[in-house]
């Protein structure tokens, strides 16, 4: 995890996790960093691969297809 700042805004970049940089309100504590690095990276599940659209909400074929493709792209970290 990489923190960087311009003196006003603080950003964190989880480069090993494959996530883009994002703005945060402060630096993480030592316990939080250890949790994120050790536990979350080791126990990470790909939950989007198992998502199936609810037919009562998005029952049309193009809606189901777009939700499925979107979940696939997020799982591939695009």
N, C-alpha and C. Protein backbone atom coordinates (compact mmCIF):
# COMPACT_ATOMS: atom_id res chain seq x y z
N UNK A 1 0.85 -1.16 0.00
CA UNK A 1 0.00 0.00 0.00
C UNK A 1 0.90 1.22 0.00
N UNK A 2 0.58 2.13 -0.89
CA UNK A 2 1.39 3.33 -1.05
C UNK A 2 0.53 4.55 -0.74
N UNK A 3 0.98 5.37 0.19
CA UNK A 3 0.31 6.63 0.50
C UNK A 3 1.10 7.76 -0.14
N UNK A 4 0.39 8.73 -0.68
CA UNK A 4 1.06 9.93 -1.17
C UNK A 4 0.14 11.13 -0.97
N UNK A 5 0.76 12.31 -0.85
CA UNK A 5 0.00 13.51 -0.56
C UNK A 5 0.65 14.72 -1.22
N UNK A 6 -0.16 15.74 -1.43
CA UNK A 6 0.35 17.01 -1.93
C UNK A 6 0.38 18.04 -0.80
N UNK A 7 0.16 17.61 0.41
CA UNK A 7 0.12 18.49 1.56
C UNK A 7 -1.30 18.80 1.99
N UNK A 8 -2.25 18.59 1.11
CA UNK A 8 -3.66 18.84 1.42
C UNK A 8 -4.50 17.57 1.29
N UNK A 9 -4.33 16.87 0.21
CA UNK A 9 -5.09 15.65 -0.06
C UNK A 9 -4.19 14.44 0.13
N UNK A 10 -4.79 13.36 0.65
CA UNK A 10 -4.04 12.12 0.87
C UNK A 10 -4.67 11.05 -0.04
N UNK A 11 -3.81 10.33 -0.73
CA UNK A 11 -4.23 9.27 -1.63
C UNK A 11 -3.57 7.97 -1.19
N UNK A 12 -4.27 6.85 -1.41
CA UNK A 12 -3.70 5.54 -1.15
C UNK A 12 -3.83 4.72 -2.42
N UNK A 13 -2.78 3.96 -2.69
CA UNK A 13 -2.74 3.11 -3.88
C UNK A 13 -2.35 1.72 -3.45
N UNK A 14 -3.25 0.77 -3.62
CA UNK A 14 -2.97 -0.63 -3.31
C UNK A 14 -2.47 -1.28 -4.59
N UNK A 15 -1.18 -1.10 -4.84
CA UNK A 15 -0.60 -1.57 -6.11
C UNK A 15 -0.58 -3.08 -6.20
N UNK A 16 -0.30 -3.78 -5.11
CA UNK A 16 -0.25 -5.24 -5.15
C UNK A 16 -1.65 -5.83 -5.30
N UNK A 17 -2.65 -5.12 -4.80
CA UNK A 17 -4.02 -5.60 -4.92
C UNK A 17 -4.62 -5.32 -6.28
N UNK A 18 -3.96 -4.46 -7.05
CA UNK A 18 -4.43 -4.14 -8.39
C UNK A 18 -5.50 -3.08 -8.43
N UNK A 19 -5.62 -2.28 -7.37
CA UNK A 19 -6.64 -1.25 -7.32
C UNK A 19 -6.05 0.10 -7.70
N UNK A 20 -6.85 0.97 -8.31
CA UNK A 20 -6.35 2.30 -8.67
C UNK A 20 -6.25 3.18 -7.42
N UNK A 21 -5.48 4.26 -7.49
CA UNK A 21 -5.38 5.18 -6.35
C UNK A 21 -6.74 5.80 -6.01
N UNK A 22 -6.95 6.06 -4.71
CA UNK A 22 -8.18 6.71 -4.28
C UNK A 22 -7.89 7.66 -3.13
N UNK A 23 -8.73 8.66 -3.00
CA UNK A 23 -8.56 9.66 -1.97
C UNK A 23 -9.04 9.10 -0.63
N UNK A 24 -8.30 9.40 0.44
CA UNK A 24 -8.68 9.00 1.79
C UNK A 24 -8.58 10.22 2.70
N UNK A 25 -9.18 10.13 3.88
CA UNK A 25 -9.20 11.26 4.80
C UNK A 25 -8.01 11.29 5.75
N UNK A 26 -7.24 10.21 5.80
CA UNK A 26 -6.09 10.15 6.67
C UNK A 26 -5.31 8.87 6.46
N UNK A 27 -4.16 8.79 7.10
CA UNK A 27 -3.33 7.61 6.98
C UNK A 27 -3.92 6.49 7.81
N UNK A 28 -3.75 5.26 7.35
CA UNK A 28 -4.28 4.10 8.06
C UNK A 28 -3.39 3.78 9.27
N UNK A 29 -4.01 3.23 10.30
CA UNK A 29 -3.25 2.81 11.48
C UNK A 29 -2.46 1.54 11.14
N UNK A 30 -1.53 1.20 12.00
CA UNK A 30 -0.72 0.00 11.79
C UNK A 30 -1.60 -1.25 11.76
N UNK A 31 -2.59 -1.32 12.66
CA UNK A 31 -3.49 -2.47 12.69
C UNK A 31 -4.31 -2.59 11.40
N UNK A 32 -4.79 -1.47 10.89
CA UNK A 32 -5.56 -1.48 9.66
C UNK A 32 -4.70 -1.92 8.49
N UNK A 33 -3.48 -1.43 8.42
CA UNK A 33 -2.58 -1.83 7.34
C UNK A 33 -2.28 -3.33 7.38
N UNK A 34 -2.02 -3.84 8.58
CA UNK A 34 -1.75 -5.27 8.71
C UNK A 34 -2.97 -6.09 8.29
N UNK A 35 -4.16 -5.64 8.68
CA UNK A 35 -5.38 -6.35 8.30
C UNK A 35 -5.54 -6.35 6.79
N UNK A 36 -5.37 -5.19 6.17
CA UNK A 36 -5.57 -5.08 4.72
C UNK A 36 -4.54 -5.91 3.95
N UNK A 37 -3.31 -5.86 4.37
CA UNK A 37 -2.25 -6.55 3.64
C UNK A 37 -2.30 -8.06 3.89
N UNK A 38 -2.45 -8.46 5.13
CA UNK A 38 -2.37 -9.89 5.45
C UNK A 38 -3.69 -10.61 5.22
N UNK A 39 -4.76 -10.12 5.81
CA UNK A 39 -6.01 -10.86 5.77
C UNK A 39 -6.78 -10.65 4.48
N UNK A 40 -7.02 -9.41 4.10
CA UNK A 40 -7.87 -9.16 2.94
C UNK A 40 -7.28 -9.69 1.65
N UNK A 41 -5.99 -9.57 1.46
CA UNK A 41 -5.38 -10.07 0.23
C UNK A 41 -5.38 -11.59 0.18
N UNK A 42 -5.21 -12.22 1.35
CA UNK A 42 -5.17 -13.68 1.39
C UNK A 42 -6.56 -14.29 1.26
N UNK A 43 -7.57 -13.66 1.85
CA UNK A 43 -8.92 -14.21 1.90
C UNK A 43 -9.85 -13.62 0.85
N UNK A 44 -9.31 -12.95 -0.13
CA UNK A 44 -10.12 -12.27 -1.13
C UNK A 44 -10.86 -13.27 -2.01
N UNK A 45 -12.15 -13.02 -2.19
CA UNK A 45 -12.99 -13.87 -3.02
C UNK A 45 -13.45 -13.08 -4.23
N UNK A 46 -13.69 -13.78 -5.32
CA UNK A 46 -14.22 -13.13 -6.51
C UNK A 46 -15.73 -13.30 -6.50
N UNK A 47 -16.41 -12.41 -5.77
CA UNK A 47 -17.85 -12.53 -5.60
C UNK A 47 -18.63 -12.11 -6.84
N UNK A 48 -18.06 -11.26 -7.66
CA UNK A 48 -18.79 -10.82 -8.84
C UNK A 48 -18.98 -11.93 -9.87
N UNK A 49 -18.13 -12.92 -9.84
CA UNK A 49 -18.26 -14.02 -10.79
C UNK A 49 -19.52 -14.83 -10.54
N UNK A 50 -20.02 -14.78 -9.31
CA UNK A 50 -21.21 -15.54 -8.94
C UNK A 50 -22.50 -14.74 -9.01
N UNK A 51 -22.43 -13.48 -9.41
CA UNK A 51 -23.61 -12.61 -9.45
C UNK A 51 -24.51 -13.00 -10.62
N UNK A 52 -25.76 -13.21 -10.32
CA UNK A 52 -26.76 -13.47 -11.35
C UNK A 52 -27.83 -12.39 -11.21
N UNK A 53 -28.17 -11.72 -12.29
CA UNK A 53 -29.17 -10.65 -12.23
C UNK A 53 -30.54 -11.18 -11.78
N UNK A 54 -31.23 -10.37 -10.99
CA UNK A 54 -32.57 -10.71 -10.53
C UNK A 54 -33.55 -10.42 -11.66
N UNK A 55 -34.27 -11.43 -12.09
CA UNK A 55 -35.19 -11.29 -13.24
C UNK A 55 -36.35 -10.36 -12.94
N UNK A 56 -36.69 -10.17 -11.66
CA UNK A 56 -37.79 -9.26 -11.33
C UNK A 56 -37.36 -7.80 -11.47
N UNK A 57 -36.06 -7.54 -11.39
CA UNK A 57 -35.56 -6.18 -11.53
C UNK A 57 -35.10 -5.92 -12.96
N UNK A 58 -34.28 -6.82 -13.47
CA UNK A 58 -33.75 -6.69 -14.83
C UNK A 58 -34.06 -7.97 -15.59
N UNK A 59 -35.24 -8.05 -16.14
CA UNK A 59 -35.68 -9.29 -16.77
C UNK A 59 -35.49 -9.35 -18.27
N UNK A 60 -35.15 -8.22 -18.86
CA UNK A 60 -34.97 -8.23 -20.32
C UNK A 60 -33.60 -8.80 -20.67
N UNK A 61 -33.52 -9.40 -21.83
CA UNK A 61 -32.30 -10.08 -22.25
C UNK A 61 -31.11 -9.13 -22.30
N UNK A 62 -31.29 -7.92 -22.84
CA UNK A 62 -30.17 -6.99 -22.93
C UNK A 62 -29.73 -6.51 -21.55
N UNK A 63 -30.65 -6.43 -20.57
CA UNK A 63 -30.27 -6.04 -19.22
C UNK A 63 -29.45 -7.14 -18.55
N UNK A 64 -29.88 -8.35 -18.69
CA UNK A 64 -29.15 -9.48 -18.10
C UNK A 64 -27.76 -9.59 -18.72
N UNK A 65 -27.68 -9.44 -20.03
CA UNK A 65 -26.39 -9.51 -20.73
C UNK A 65 -25.46 -8.39 -20.29
N UNK A 66 -25.96 -7.18 -20.16
CA UNK A 66 -25.09 -6.06 -19.77
C UNK A 66 -24.61 -6.19 -18.33
N UNK A 67 -25.46 -6.65 -17.43
CA UNK A 67 -25.04 -6.85 -16.04
C UNK A 67 -23.99 -7.96 -15.95
N UNK A 68 -24.18 -9.02 -16.70
CA UNK A 68 -23.22 -10.13 -16.71
C UNK A 68 -21.87 -9.67 -17.25
N UNK A 69 -21.87 -8.94 -18.35
CA UNK A 69 -20.62 -8.44 -18.95
C UNK A 69 -19.93 -7.45 -18.03
N UNK A 70 -20.70 -6.60 -17.36
CA UNK A 70 -20.12 -5.63 -16.43
C UNK A 70 -19.44 -6.34 -15.26
N UNK A 71 -20.07 -7.35 -14.72
CA UNK A 71 -19.48 -8.14 -13.63
C UNK A 71 -18.19 -8.82 -14.09
N UNK A 72 -18.18 -9.33 -15.31
CA UNK A 72 -16.98 -9.97 -15.85
C UNK A 72 -15.83 -8.97 -15.96
N UNK A 73 -16.13 -7.77 -16.45
CA UNK A 73 -15.07 -6.75 -16.62
C UNK A 73 -14.51 -6.31 -15.27
N UNK A 74 -15.37 -6.14 -14.28
CA UNK A 74 -14.89 -5.78 -12.94
C UNK A 74 -14.04 -6.91 -12.36
N UNK A 75 -14.42 -8.15 -12.60
CA UNK A 75 -13.63 -9.29 -12.11
C UNK A 75 -12.25 -9.33 -12.76
N UNK A 76 -12.15 -8.83 -13.98
CA UNK A 76 -10.86 -8.77 -14.69
C UNK A 76 -10.09 -7.48 -14.36
N UNK A 77 -10.61 -6.67 -13.43
CA UNK A 77 -9.99 -5.42 -12.96
C UNK A 77 -9.88 -4.35 -14.05
N UNK A 78 -10.86 -4.26 -14.91
CA UNK A 78 -10.91 -3.20 -15.90
C UNK A 78 -11.72 -2.04 -15.35
